[in-house]
Full PDB file with SEQRES, HELIX, SHEET, SSBOND, CRYST1, ORIGX, SCALE, CONECT and MASTER records, all heavy atoms in Angstrom:
SEQRES   1 A   30  ARG PRO SER PRO GLU ALA ILE ASP LEU TYR MET LYS GLU          
SEQRES   2 A   30  GLY ASP ARG THR GLU GLU ILE ILE LYS ARG ARG MET MET          
SEQRES   3 A   30  ASP ALA MET VAL                                              
HELIX    1 AA1 PRO A    4  MET A   29  1                                  26    
CRYST1    1.000    1.000    1.000  90.00  90.00  90.00 P 1           1          
ORIGX1      1.000000  0.000000  0.000000        0.00000                         
ORIGX2      0.000000  1.000000  0.000000        0.00000                         
ORIGX3      0.000000  0.000000  1.000000        0.00000                         
SCALE1      1.000000  0.000000  0.000000        0.00000                         
SCALE2      0.000000  1.000000  0.000000        0.00000                         
SCALE3      0.000000  0.000000  1.000000        0.00000                         
ATOM      1  N   ARG A   1      -8.396  -4.773  21.213  1.00  0.00           N  
ATOM      2  CA  ARG A   1      -7.674  -5.435  20.149  1.00  0.00           C  
ATOM      3  C   ARG A   1      -8.264  -5.012  18.765  1.00  0.00           C  
ATOM      4  O   ARG A   1      -9.462  -4.774  18.691  1.00  0.00           O  
ATOM      5  CB  ARG A   1      -7.861  -6.964  20.264  1.00  0.00           C  
ATOM      6  CG  ARG A   1      -7.263  -7.541  21.521  1.00  0.00           C  
ATOM      7  CD  ARG A   1      -7.478  -9.011  21.605  1.00  0.00           C  
ATOM      8  NE  ARG A   1      -6.959  -9.591  22.893  1.00  0.00           N  
ATOM      9  CZ  ARG A   1      -7.120 -10.874  23.242  1.00  0.00           C  
ATOM     10  NH1 ARG A   1      -7.817 -11.667  22.454  1.00  0.00           N  
ATOM     11  NH2 ARG A   1      -6.563 -11.304  24.354  1.00  0.00           N  
ATOM     12  N   PRO A   2      -7.419  -4.937  17.764  1.00  0.00           N  
ATOM     13  CA  PRO A   2      -7.877  -4.559  16.460  1.00  0.00           C  
ATOM     14  C   PRO A   2      -8.855  -5.670  15.885  1.00  0.00           C  
ATOM     15  O   PRO A   2      -8.696  -6.825  16.180  1.00  0.00           O  
ATOM     16  CB  PRO A   2      -6.649  -4.469  15.651  1.00  0.00           C  
ATOM     17  CG  PRO A   2      -5.650  -5.296  16.342  1.00  0.00           C  
ATOM     18  CD  PRO A   2      -5.976  -5.211  17.748  1.00  0.00           C  
ATOM     19  N   SER A   3      -9.768  -5.179  15.134  1.00  0.00           N  
ATOM     20  CA  SER A   3     -10.783  -6.118  14.477  1.00  0.00           C  
ATOM     21  C   SER A   3     -10.087  -6.908  13.410  1.00  0.00           C  
ATOM     22  O   SER A   3      -9.066  -6.473  12.806  1.00  0.00           O  
ATOM     23  CB  SER A   3     -11.953  -5.327  13.907  1.00  0.00           C  
ATOM     24  OG  SER A   3     -11.445  -4.453  12.847  1.00  0.00           O  
ATOM     25  N   PRO A   4     -10.696  -8.049  13.009  1.00  0.00           N  
ATOM     26  CA  PRO A   4     -10.083  -8.829  11.866  1.00  0.00           C  
ATOM     27  C   PRO A   4     -10.105  -7.996  10.569  1.00  0.00           C  
ATOM     28  O   PRO A   4      -9.142  -8.091   9.789  1.00  0.00           O  
ATOM     29  CB  PRO A   4     -11.115  -9.970  11.686  1.00  0.00           C  
ATOM     30  CG  PRO A   4     -11.677 -10.141  13.101  1.00  0.00           C  
ATOM     31  CD  PRO A   4     -11.807  -8.752  13.617  1.00  0.00           C  
ATOM     32  N   GLU A   5     -11.052  -7.113  10.391  1.00  0.00           N  
ATOM     33  CA  GLU A   5     -11.107  -6.281   9.215  1.00  0.00           C  
ATOM     34  C   GLU A   5      -9.910  -5.329   9.204  1.00  0.00           C  
ATOM     35  O   GLU A   5      -9.263  -5.057   8.138  1.00  0.00           O  
ATOM     36  CB  GLU A   5     -12.354  -5.448   9.148  1.00  0.00           C  
ATOM     37  CG  GLU A   5     -13.661  -6.291   8.923  1.00  0.00           C  
ATOM     38  CD  GLU A   5     -14.168  -6.974  10.226  1.00  0.00           C  
ATOM     39  OE1 GLU A   5     -13.662  -6.661  11.293  1.00  0.00           O  
ATOM     40  OE2 GLU A   5     -15.056  -7.831  10.067  1.00  0.00           O  
ATOM     41  N   ALA A   6      -9.582  -4.740  10.340  1.00  0.00           N  
ATOM     42  CA  ALA A   6      -8.500  -3.826  10.484  1.00  0.00           C  
ATOM     43  C   ALA A   6      -7.153  -4.541  10.192  1.00  0.00           C  
ATOM     44  O   ALA A   6      -6.229  -4.002   9.520  1.00  0.00           O  
ATOM     45  CB  ALA A   6      -8.381  -3.210  11.881  1.00  0.00           C  
ATOM     46  N   ILE A   7      -6.998  -5.753  10.674  1.00  0.00           N  
ATOM     47  CA  ILE A   7      -5.803  -6.571  10.441  1.00  0.00           C  
ATOM     48  C   ILE A   7      -5.657  -6.818   8.908  1.00  0.00           C  
ATOM     49  O   ILE A   7      -4.531  -6.708   8.376  1.00  0.00           O  
ATOM     50  CB  ILE A   7      -5.871  -7.878  11.195  1.00  0.00           C  
ATOM     51  CG1 ILE A   7      -5.800  -7.569  12.690  1.00  0.00           C  
ATOM     52  CG2 ILE A   7      -4.695  -8.817  10.790  1.00  0.00           C  
ATOM     53  CD1 ILE A   7      -6.053  -8.797  13.586  1.00  0.00           C  
ATOM     54  N   ASP A   8      -6.736  -7.198   8.268  1.00  0.00           N  
ATOM     55  CA  ASP A   8      -6.695  -7.438   6.831  1.00  0.00           C  
ATOM     56  C   ASP A   8      -6.328  -6.178   6.032  1.00  0.00           C  
ATOM     57  O   ASP A   8      -5.526  -6.238   5.086  1.00  0.00           O  
ATOM     58  CB  ASP A   8      -8.072  -7.948   6.317  1.00  0.00           C  
ATOM     59  CG  ASP A   8      -8.366  -9.395   6.776  1.00  0.00           C  
ATOM     60  OD1 ASP A   8      -7.416 -10.062   7.177  1.00  0.00           O  
ATOM     61  OD2 ASP A   8      -9.525  -9.809   6.772  1.00  0.00           O  
ATOM     62  N   LEU A   9      -6.870  -5.032   6.453  1.00  0.00           N  
ATOM     63  CA  LEU A   9      -6.612  -3.767   5.847  1.00  0.00           C  
ATOM     64  C   LEU A   9      -5.066  -3.483   5.926  1.00  0.00           C  
ATOM     65  O   LEU A   9      -4.515  -2.994   4.950  1.00  0.00           O  
ATOM     66  CB  LEU A   9      -7.435  -2.652   6.492  1.00  0.00           C  
ATOM     67  CG  LEU A   9      -7.230  -1.287   5.958  1.00  0.00           C  
ATOM     68  CD1 LEU A   9      -7.712  -1.173   4.432  1.00  0.00           C  
ATOM     69  CD2 LEU A   9      -8.012  -0.220   6.758  1.00  0.00           C  
ATOM     70  N   TYR A  10      -4.498  -3.693   7.086  1.00  0.00           N  
ATOM     71  CA  TYR A  10      -3.068  -3.366   7.250  1.00  0.00           C  
ATOM     72  C   TYR A  10      -2.193  -4.361   6.466  1.00  0.00           C  
ATOM     73  O   TYR A  10      -1.127  -3.934   5.966  1.00  0.00           O  
ATOM     74  CB  TYR A  10      -2.699  -3.367   8.729  1.00  0.00           C  
ATOM     75  CG  TYR A  10      -3.046  -2.081   9.422  1.00  0.00           C  
ATOM     76  CD1 TYR A  10      -4.325  -1.761   9.856  1.00  0.00           C  
ATOM     77  CD2 TYR A  10      -2.002  -1.141   9.604  1.00  0.00           C  
ATOM     78  CE1 TYR A  10      -4.574  -0.577  10.468  1.00  0.00           C  
ATOM     79  CE2 TYR A  10      -2.330   0.108  10.204  1.00  0.00           C  
ATOM     80  CZ  TYR A  10      -3.600   0.393  10.613  1.00  0.00           C  
ATOM     81  OH  TYR A  10      -3.869   1.583  11.180  1.00  0.00           O  
ATOM     82  N   MET A  11      -2.630  -5.606   6.358  1.00  0.00           N  
ATOM     83  CA  MET A  11      -1.862  -6.586   5.570  1.00  0.00           C  
ATOM     84  C   MET A  11      -1.878  -6.158   4.100  1.00  0.00           C  
ATOM     85  O   MET A  11      -0.881  -6.288   3.411  1.00  0.00           O  
ATOM     86  CB  MET A  11      -2.506  -7.946   5.708  1.00  0.00           C  
ATOM     87  CG  MET A  11      -2.122  -8.599   7.010  1.00  0.00           C  
ATOM     88  SD  MET A  11      -0.305  -8.930   7.188  1.00  0.00           S  
ATOM     89  CE  MET A  11      -0.040 -10.085   5.815  1.00  0.00           C  
ATOM     90  N   LYS A  12      -3.065  -5.647   3.637  1.00  0.00           N  
ATOM     91  CA  LYS A  12      -3.145  -5.236   2.232  1.00  0.00           C  
ATOM     92  C   LYS A  12      -2.188  -4.086   1.907  1.00  0.00           C  
ATOM     93  O   LYS A  12      -1.811  -3.879   0.745  1.00  0.00           O  
ATOM     94  CB  LYS A  12      -4.560  -4.891   1.905  1.00  0.00           C  
ATOM     95  CG  LYS A  12      -5.492  -6.151   1.812  1.00  0.00           C  
ATOM     96  CD  LYS A  12      -6.946  -5.701   1.574  1.00  0.00           C  
ATOM     97  CE  LYS A  12      -7.808  -6.867   1.561  1.00  0.00           C  
ATOM     98  NZ  LYS A  12      -9.254  -6.538   1.374  1.00  0.00           N  
ATOM     99  N   GLU A  13      -1.881  -3.270   2.931  1.00  0.00           N  
ATOM    100  CA  GLU A  13      -0.978  -2.129   2.686  1.00  0.00           C  
ATOM    101  C   GLU A  13       0.357  -2.662   2.193  1.00  0.00           C  
ATOM    102  O   GLU A  13       1.027  -1.963   1.438  1.00  0.00           O  
ATOM    103  CB  GLU A  13      -0.814  -1.323   3.980  1.00  0.00           C  
ATOM    104  CG  GLU A  13      -2.023  -0.468   4.282  1.00  0.00           C  
ATOM    105  CD  GLU A  13      -2.311   0.544   3.202  1.00  0.00           C  
ATOM    106  OE1 GLU A  13      -1.396   1.316   2.807  1.00  0.00           O  
ATOM    107  OE2 GLU A  13      -3.484   0.607   2.711  1.00  0.00           O  
ATOM    108  N   GLY A  14       0.776  -3.798   2.696  1.00  0.00           N  
ATOM    109  CA  GLY A  14       2.079  -4.367   2.195  1.00  0.00           C  
ATOM    110  C   GLY A  14       2.000  -4.730   0.785  1.00  0.00           C  
ATOM    111  O   GLY A  14       3.018  -4.503  -0.011  1.00  0.00           O  
ATOM    112  N   ASP A  15       0.913  -5.221   0.296  1.00  0.00           N  
ATOM    113  CA  ASP A  15       0.750  -5.618  -1.106  1.00  0.00           C  
ATOM    114  C   ASP A  15       0.763  -4.401  -2.015  1.00  0.00           C  
ATOM    115  O   ASP A  15       1.130  -4.515  -3.175  1.00  0.00           O  
ATOM    116  CB  ASP A  15      -0.517  -6.382  -1.285  1.00  0.00           C  
ATOM    117  CG  ASP A  15      -0.533  -7.731  -0.548  1.00  0.00           C  
ATOM    118  OD1 ASP A  15       0.571  -8.295  -0.314  1.00  0.00           O  
ATOM    119  OD2 ASP A  15      -1.594  -8.212  -0.138  1.00  0.00           O  
ATOM    120  N   ARG A  16       0.406  -3.253  -1.449  1.00  0.00           N  
ATOM    121  CA  ARG A  16       0.304  -2.032  -2.249  1.00  0.00           C  
ATOM    122  C   ARG A  16       1.636  -1.325  -2.439  1.00  0.00           C  
ATOM    123  O   ARG A  16       1.759  -0.363  -3.154  1.00  0.00           O  
ATOM    124  CB  ARG A  16      -0.748  -1.082  -1.649  1.00  0.00           C  
ATOM    125  CG  ARG A  16      -2.168  -1.602  -1.729  1.00  0.00           C  
ATOM    126  CD  ARG A  16      -3.130  -0.578  -1.072  1.00  0.00           C  
ATOM    127  NE  ARG A  16      -3.110   0.656  -1.788  1.00  0.00           N  
ATOM    128  CZ  ARG A  16      -2.754   1.876  -1.170  1.00  0.00           C  
ATOM    129  NH1 ARG A  16      -2.469   1.855   0.095  1.00  0.00           N  
ATOM    130  NH2 ARG A  16      -2.756   2.979  -1.830  1.00  0.00           N  
ATOM    131  N   THR A  17       2.632  -1.784  -1.674  1.00  0.00           N  
ATOM    132  CA  THR A  17       3.876  -1.029  -1.624  1.00  0.00           C  
ATOM    133  C   THR A  17       4.510  -0.857  -2.957  1.00  0.00           C  
ATOM    134  O   THR A  17       4.864   0.247  -3.385  1.00  0.00           O  
ATOM    135  CB  THR A  17       4.917  -1.721  -0.673  1.00  0.00           C  
ATOM    136  OG1 THR A  17       4.372  -1.859   0.625  1.00  0.00           O  
ATOM    137  CG2 THR A  17       6.197  -0.980  -0.602  1.00  0.00           C  
ATOM    138  N   GLU A  18       4.572  -2.008  -3.732  1.00  0.00           N  
ATOM    139  CA  GLU A  18       5.212  -1.929  -5.086  1.00  0.00           C  
ATOM    140  C   GLU A  18       4.435  -0.986  -5.976  1.00  0.00           C  
ATOM    141  O   GLU A  18       4.994  -0.195  -6.692  1.00  0.00           O  
ATOM    142  CB  GLU A  18       5.274  -3.334  -5.645  1.00  0.00           C  
ATOM    143  CG  GLU A  18       6.029  -3.364  -6.993  1.00  0.00           C  
ATOM    144  CD  GLU A  18       6.083  -4.749  -7.617  1.00  0.00           C  
ATOM    145  OE1 GLU A  18       5.672  -5.708  -6.888  1.00  0.00           O  
ATOM    146  OE2 GLU A  18       6.693  -4.903  -8.646  1.00  0.00           O  
ATOM    147  N   GLU A  19       3.130  -1.043  -5.900  1.00  0.00           N  
ATOM    148  CA  GLU A  19       2.276  -0.194  -6.760  1.00  0.00           C  
ATOM    149  C   GLU A  19       2.531   1.308  -6.417  1.00  0.00           C  
ATOM    150  O   GLU A  19       2.600   2.109  -7.348  1.00  0.00           O  
ATOM    151  CB  GLU A  19       0.774  -0.541  -6.474  1.00  0.00           C  
ATOM    152  CG  GLU A  19      -0.208   0.311  -7.202  1.00  0.00           C  
ATOM    153  CD  GLU A  19      -1.609   0.119  -6.771  1.00  0.00           C  
ATOM    154  OE1 GLU A  19      -1.891  -1.014  -6.228  1.00  0.00           O  
ATOM    155  OE2 GLU A  19      -2.424   0.963  -6.928  1.00  0.00           O  
ATOM    156  N   ILE A  20       2.607   1.628  -5.131  1.00  0.00           N  
ATOM    157  CA  ILE A  20       2.809   2.951  -4.693  1.00  0.00           C  
ATOM    158  C   ILE A  20       4.186   3.506  -5.173  1.00  0.00           C  
ATOM    159  O   ILE A  20       4.297   4.620  -5.695  1.00  0.00           O  
ATOM    160  CB  ILE A  20       2.736   3.085  -3.173  1.00  0.00           C  
ATOM    161  CG1 ILE A  20       1.331   2.789  -2.664  1.00  0.00           C  
ATOM    162  CG2 ILE A  20       3.214   4.428  -2.645  1.00  0.00           C  
ATOM    163  CD1 ILE A  20       1.145   2.668  -1.231  1.00  0.00           C  
ATOM    164  N   ILE A  21       5.226   2.645  -5.044  1.00  0.00           N  
ATOM    165  CA  ILE A  21       6.563   3.021  -5.496  1.00  0.00           C  
ATOM    166  C   ILE A  21       6.555   3.314  -6.943  1.00  0.00           C  
ATOM    167  O   ILE A  21       7.174   4.310  -7.457  1.00  0.00           O  
ATOM    168  CB  ILE A  21       7.625   1.942  -5.116  1.00  0.00           C  
ATOM    169  CG1 ILE A  21       7.701   1.807  -3.598  1.00  0.00           C  
ATOM    170  CG2 ILE A  21       8.995   2.291  -5.714  1.00  0.00           C  
ATOM    171  CD1 ILE A  21       8.149   3.039  -2.869  1.00  0.00           C  
ATOM    172  N   LYS A  22       5.963   2.463  -7.767  1.00  0.00           N  
ATOM    173  CA  LYS A  22       5.918   2.640  -9.198  1.00  0.00           C  
ATOM    174  C   LYS A  22       5.191   3.906  -9.566  1.00  0.00           C  
ATOM    175  O   LYS A  22       5.642   4.706 -10.488  1.00  0.00           O  
ATOM    176  CB  LYS A  22       5.180   1.472  -9.880  1.00  0.00           C  
ATOM    177  CG  LYS A  22       5.965   0.167  -9.906  1.00  0.00           C  
ATOM    178  CD  LYS A  22       5.149  -0.891 -10.615  1.00  0.00           C  
ATOM    179  CE  LYS A  22       5.953  -2.196 -10.734  1.00  0.00           C  
ATOM    180  NZ  LYS A  22       5.165  -3.299 -11.332  1.00  0.00           N  
ATOM    181  N   ARG A  23       4.105   4.241  -8.848  1.00  0.00           N  
ATOM    182  CA  ARG A  23       3.388   5.489  -9.148  1.00  0.00           C  
ATOM    183  C   ARG A  23       4.255   6.728  -8.850  1.00  0.00           C  
ATOM    184  O   ARG A  23       4.251   7.718  -9.561  1.00  0.00           O  
ATOM    185  CB  ARG A  23       2.116   5.514  -8.373  1.00  0.00           C  
ATOM    186  CG  ARG A  23       1.212   6.700  -8.703  1.00  0.00           C  
ATOM    187  CD  ARG A  23      -0.112   6.725  -7.968  1.00  0.00           C  
ATOM    188  NE  ARG A  23       0.066   6.987  -6.571  1.00  0.00           N  
ATOM    189  CZ  ARG A  23      -0.193   6.093  -5.552  1.00  0.00           C  
ATOM    190  NH1 ARG A  23      -0.647   4.969  -5.825  1.00  0.00           N  
ATOM    191  NH2 ARG A  23      -0.025   6.549  -4.294  1.00  0.00           N  
ATOM    192  N   ARG A  24       5.016   6.618  -7.706  1.00  0.00           N  
ATOM    193  CA  ARG A  24       5.801   7.775  -7.334  1.00  0.00           C  
ATOM    194  C   ARG A  24       6.984   7.955  -8.314  1.00  0.00           C  
ATOM    195  O   ARG A  24       7.468   9.054  -8.530  1.00  0.00           O  
ATOM    196  CB  ARG A  24       6.328   7.582  -5.923  1.00  0.00           C  
ATOM    197  CG  ARG A  24       5.242   7.784  -4.880  1.00  0.00           C  
ATOM    198  CD  ARG A  24       5.677   7.569  -3.513  1.00  0.00           C  
ATOM    199  NE  ARG A  24       4.544   7.742  -2.564  1.00  0.00           N  
ATOM    200  CZ  ARG A  24       4.559   7.424  -1.292  1.00  0.00           C  
ATOM    201  NH1 ARG A  24       5.685   6.812  -0.764  1.00  0.00           N  
ATOM    202  NH2 ARG A  24       3.527   7.685  -0.498  1.00  0.00           N  
ATOM    203  N   MET A  25       7.501   6.839  -8.836  1.00  0.00           N  
ATOM    204  CA  MET A  25       8.573   6.936  -9.840  1.00  0.00           C  
ATOM    205  C   MET A  25       8.040   7.636 -11.129  1.00  0.00           C  
ATOM    206  O   MET A  25       8.746   8.501 -11.722  1.00  0.00           O  
ATOM    207  CB  MET A  25       9.098   5.567 -10.230  1.00  0.00           C  
ATOM    208  CG  MET A  25       9.744   4.848  -9.009  1.00  0.00           C  
ATOM    209  SD  MET A  25      11.305   5.691  -8.502  1.00  0.00           S  
ATOM    210  CE  MET A  25      12.402   4.706  -9.483  1.00  0.00           C  
ATOM    211  N   MET A  26       6.789   7.286 -11.476  1.00  0.00           N  
ATOM    212  CA  MET A  26       6.220   7.987 -12.658  1.00  0.00           C  
ATOM    213  C   MET A  26       5.988   9.445 -12.344  1.00  0.00           C  
ATOM    214  O   MET A  26       6.152  10.306 -13.228  1.00  0.00           O  
ATOM    215  CB  MET A  26       4.883   7.271 -12.998  1.00  0.00           C  
ATOM    216  CG  MET A  26       4.982   5.828 -13.471  1.00  0.00           C  
ATOM    217  SD  MET A  26       6.039   5.723 -15.003  1.00  0.00           S  
ATOM    218  CE  MET A  26       4.904   6.341 -16.201  1.00  0.00           C  
ATOM    219  N   ASP A  27       5.614   9.756 -11.109  1.00  0.00           N  
ATOM    220  CA  ASP A  27       5.401  11.189 -10.703  1.00  0.00           C  
ATOM    221  C   ASP A  27       6.744  11.898 -10.845  1.00  0.00           C  
ATOM    222  O   ASP A  27       6.698  13.110 -11.259  1.00  0.00           O  
ATOM    223  CB  ASP A  27       4.876  11.292  -9.275  1.00  0.00           C  
ATOM    224  CG  ASP A  27       3.417  10.800  -9.134  1.00  0.00           C  
ATOM    225  OD1 ASP A  27       2.728  10.696 -10.153  1.00  0.00           O  
ATOM    226  OD2 ASP A  27       2.982  10.488  -7.993  1.00  0.00           O  
ATOM    227  N   ALA A  28       7.788  11.250 -10.433  1.00  0.00           N  
ATOM    228  CA  ALA A  28       9.126  11.894 -10.589  1.00  0.00           C  
ATOM    229  C   ALA A  28       9.469  12.207 -12.028  1.00  0.00           C  
ATOM    230  O   ALA A  28      10.022  13.250 -12.366  1.00  0.00           O  
ATOM    231  CB  ALA A  28      10.203  11.003  -9.938  1.00  0.00           C  
ATOM    232  N   MET A  29       9.136  11.258 -12.980  1.00  0.00           N  
ATOM    233  CA  MET A  29       9.365  11.454 -14.379  1.00  0.00           C  
ATOM    234  C   MET A  29       8.570  12.688 -14.887  1.00  0.00           C  
ATOM    235  O   MET A  29       9.060  13.519 -15.670  1.00  0.00           O  
ATOM    236  CB  MET A  29       8.957  10.156 -15.141  1.00  0.00           C  
ATOM    237  CG  MET A  29       9.189  10.267 -16.645  1.00  0.00           C  
ATOM    238  SD  MET A  29       7.861  11.087 -17.568  1.00  0.00           S  
ATOM    239  CE  MET A  29       6.535   9.862 -17.280  1.00  0.00           C  
ATOM    240  N   VAL A  30       7.337  12.767 -14.387  1.00  0.00           N  
ATOM    241  CA  VAL A  30       6.527  13.973 -14.836  1.00  0.00           C  
ATOM    242  C   VAL A  30       7.052  15.281 -14.280  1.00  0.00           C  
ATOM    243  O   VAL A  30       7.106  16.302 -14.994  1.00  0.00           O  
ATOM    244  CB  VAL A  30       5.087  13.751 -14.297  1.00  0.00           C  
ATOM    245  CG1 VAL A  30       4.254  14.997 -14.583  1.00  0.00           C  
ATOM    246  CG2 VAL A  30       4.411  12.560 -14.982  1.00  0.00           C  
TER     247      VAL A  30                                                      
MASTER        0    0    0    1    0    0    0    6  246    1    0    3          
END                                                                             
């Protein structure tokens, strides 16, 4: 079974989605 730390890490990936999309949009502008 995955460790509690691994579960938390994967949950945080969801929170980073908006940030990643914004960065990629800025990359497209560049």
